[in-house]
Protein backbone atom coordinates (compact mmCIF):
# COMPACT_ATOMS: atom_id res chain seq x y z
CA MET A 1 -0.80 -18.29 -12.68
CA PRO A 2 -2.25 -14.77 -12.49
CA ALA A 3 -0.04 -11.94 -11.26
CA ARG A 4 -0.24 -11.07 -7.58
CA LYS A 5 -2.13 -7.86 -6.82
CA VAL A 6 -0.44 -5.69 -4.22
CA ALA A 7 -1.33 -2.25 -2.88
CA VAL A 8 1.57 -0.20 -1.56
CA ILE A 9 0.38 2.71 0.56
CA GLY A 10 2.96 5.45 1.11
CA MET A 11 5.43 6.37 -1.63
CA GLY A 12 8.31 7.59 0.49
CA THR A 13 11.76 6.13 -0.10
CA PHE A 14 10.91 2.69 1.30
CA GLY A 15 7.44 2.48 -0.28
CA ARG A 16 8.70 3.47 -3.70
CA VAL A 17 11.44 0.81 -3.60
CA VAL A 18 8.91 -1.81 -2.51
CA ALA A 19 6.45 -0.81 -5.25
CA GLU A 20 9.12 -0.74 -7.96
CA SER A 21 10.59 -4.09 -6.85
CA LEU A 22 7.19 -5.78 -6.82
CA ALA A 23 6.33 -4.37 -10.25
CA GLU A 24 9.65 -5.55 -11.68
CA ALA A 25 8.93 -9.00 -10.25
CA GLY A 26 5.68 -9.13 -12.21
CA ALA A 27 3.12 -8.12 -9.61
CA GLU A 28 0.21 -5.82 -10.39
CA VAL A 29 0.93 -2.87 -8.10
CA ILE A 30 -1.34 -0.04 -7.06
CA ALA A 31 0.68 2.80 -5.51
CA ILE A 32 -1.19 5.12 -3.16
CA ASP A 33 0.00 8.38 -1.65
CA ASN A 34 -1.51 11.78 -0.88
CA ASN A 35 1.50 13.58 -2.42
CA MET A 36 1.13 14.14 -6.18
CA ALA A 37 4.89 14.45 -6.72
CA ALA A 38 5.39 10.98 -5.19
CA ILE A 39 2.69 9.55 -7.46
CA GLU A 40 4.18 11.19 -10.54
CA ALA A 41 7.58 9.68 -9.69
CA VAL A 42 6.26 6.10 -9.67
CA LYS A 43 3.34 6.15 -12.13
CA ASP A 44 5.31 4.79 -15.09
CA VAL A 45 6.63 1.79 -13.15
CA VAL A 46 3.51 0.47 -11.39
CA THR A 47 0.22 -0.77 -12.79
CA TYR A 48 -1.82 2.04 -11.26
CA ALA A 49 -0.86 5.09 -9.19
CA VAL A 50 -3.41 7.18 -7.35
CA ARG A 51 -3.31 10.25 -5.16
CA CYS A 52 -5.70 9.85 -2.26
CA ASP A 53 -6.01 9.88 1.52
CA ALA A 54 -5.47 6.27 2.62
CA THR A 55 -7.07 6.97 6.00
CA ASP A 56 -10.40 7.44 4.21
CA PRO A 57 -12.14 4.03 3.94
CA ARG A 58 -14.18 5.18 0.94
CA MET A 59 -10.99 5.85 -1.01
CA LEU A 60 -9.60 2.43 -0.12
CA ARG A 61 -12.80 0.75 -1.30
CA ASP A 62 -13.02 2.91 -4.43
CA HIS A 63 -9.58 1.65 -5.47
CA ASN A 64 -10.36 -1.99 -4.55
CA VAL A 65 -7.64 -2.22 -1.89
CA ASP A 66 -9.79 -4.76 -0.06
CA GLU A 67 -9.44 -7.09 -3.08
CA MET A 68 -5.62 -7.09 -3.19
CA ASP A 69 -3.62 -10.23 -2.42
CA ALA A 70 -1.42 -8.15 -0.10
CA VAL A 71 -1.22 -4.61 1.26
CA VAL A 72 2.01 -2.92 2.30
CA VAL A 73 1.62 0.20 4.45
CA THR A 74 4.80 2.27 4.50
CA MET A 75 3.99 5.62 6.10
CA GLY A 76 7.00 5.78 8.38
CA ASP A 77 7.03 9.55 8.63
CA ASN A 78 3.43 9.76 9.88
CA PHE A 79 2.69 7.17 12.54
CA GLU A 80 -0.87 8.42 13.11
CA SER A 81 -1.78 7.95 9.44
CA LEU A 82 -0.16 4.52 9.43
CA VAL A 83 -2.24 3.40 12.41
CA LEU A 84 -5.45 4.90 10.98
CA THR A 85 -4.86 3.22 7.62
CA VAL A 86 -4.22 -0.19 9.19
CA GLN A 87 -7.30 0.30 11.39
CA GLU A 88 -9.45 1.06 8.33
CA LEU A 89 -8.14 -2.03 6.55
CA LEU A 90 -9.03 -4.18 9.55
CA LEU A 91 -12.46 -2.57 9.84
CA MET A 92 -13.00 -3.36 6.14
CA ARG A 93 -12.39 -7.00 7.11
CA TYR A 94 -9.27 -7.17 4.96
CA ASP A 95 -8.22 -10.78 5.56
CA ARG A 96 -5.09 -11.32 3.51
CA LYS A 97 -1.44 -10.38 4.01
CA LEU A 98 -0.87 -6.99 5.60
CA CYS A 99 2.64 -5.67 6.11
CA MET A 100 3.80 -2.37 7.53
CA GLY A 101 7.26 -0.94 7.80
CA GLU A 102 9.61 1.93 7.14
CA LEU A 103 13.09 2.44 5.78
CA ASN A 104 14.97 2.34 9.08
CA GLN A 105 13.13 -0.64 10.56
CA VAL A 106 12.27 -4.15 9.65
CA ALA A 107 8.90 -4.52 7.96
CA TYR A 108 6.44 -6.28 10.23
CA PRO A 109 4.18 -8.76 8.45
CA TRP A 110 0.71 -9.21 9.89
CA TRP A 111 -1.42 -12.06 8.71
CA VAL A 112 -4.90 -11.12 9.70
CA SER A 113 -8.03 -13.17 9.62
CA THR A 114 -11.58 -12.38 10.58
């Protein structure tokens, strides 16, 4: 069975733990954040780490986020960016598992379909 492909957007404390845990479990993980220090901290653990603005739909498409088996959006410190990123994923017709959350709250899974 091929490895699951998961994009984790937001490499704060919660996002980094999620990305590292998924990678250790055998998933192919793409870590996305606009902070280079956060990307540097996780790049050796995940399959691919990229610094980009996740609210930009071109960047999401360029990094094949729409082809992932699941997307985890963990931008708890910036609610506006979280909402914009989820909106862009929905506008891209992302139709697989979408989960958002932050360290101090339960992650909320959304199963979306078009």
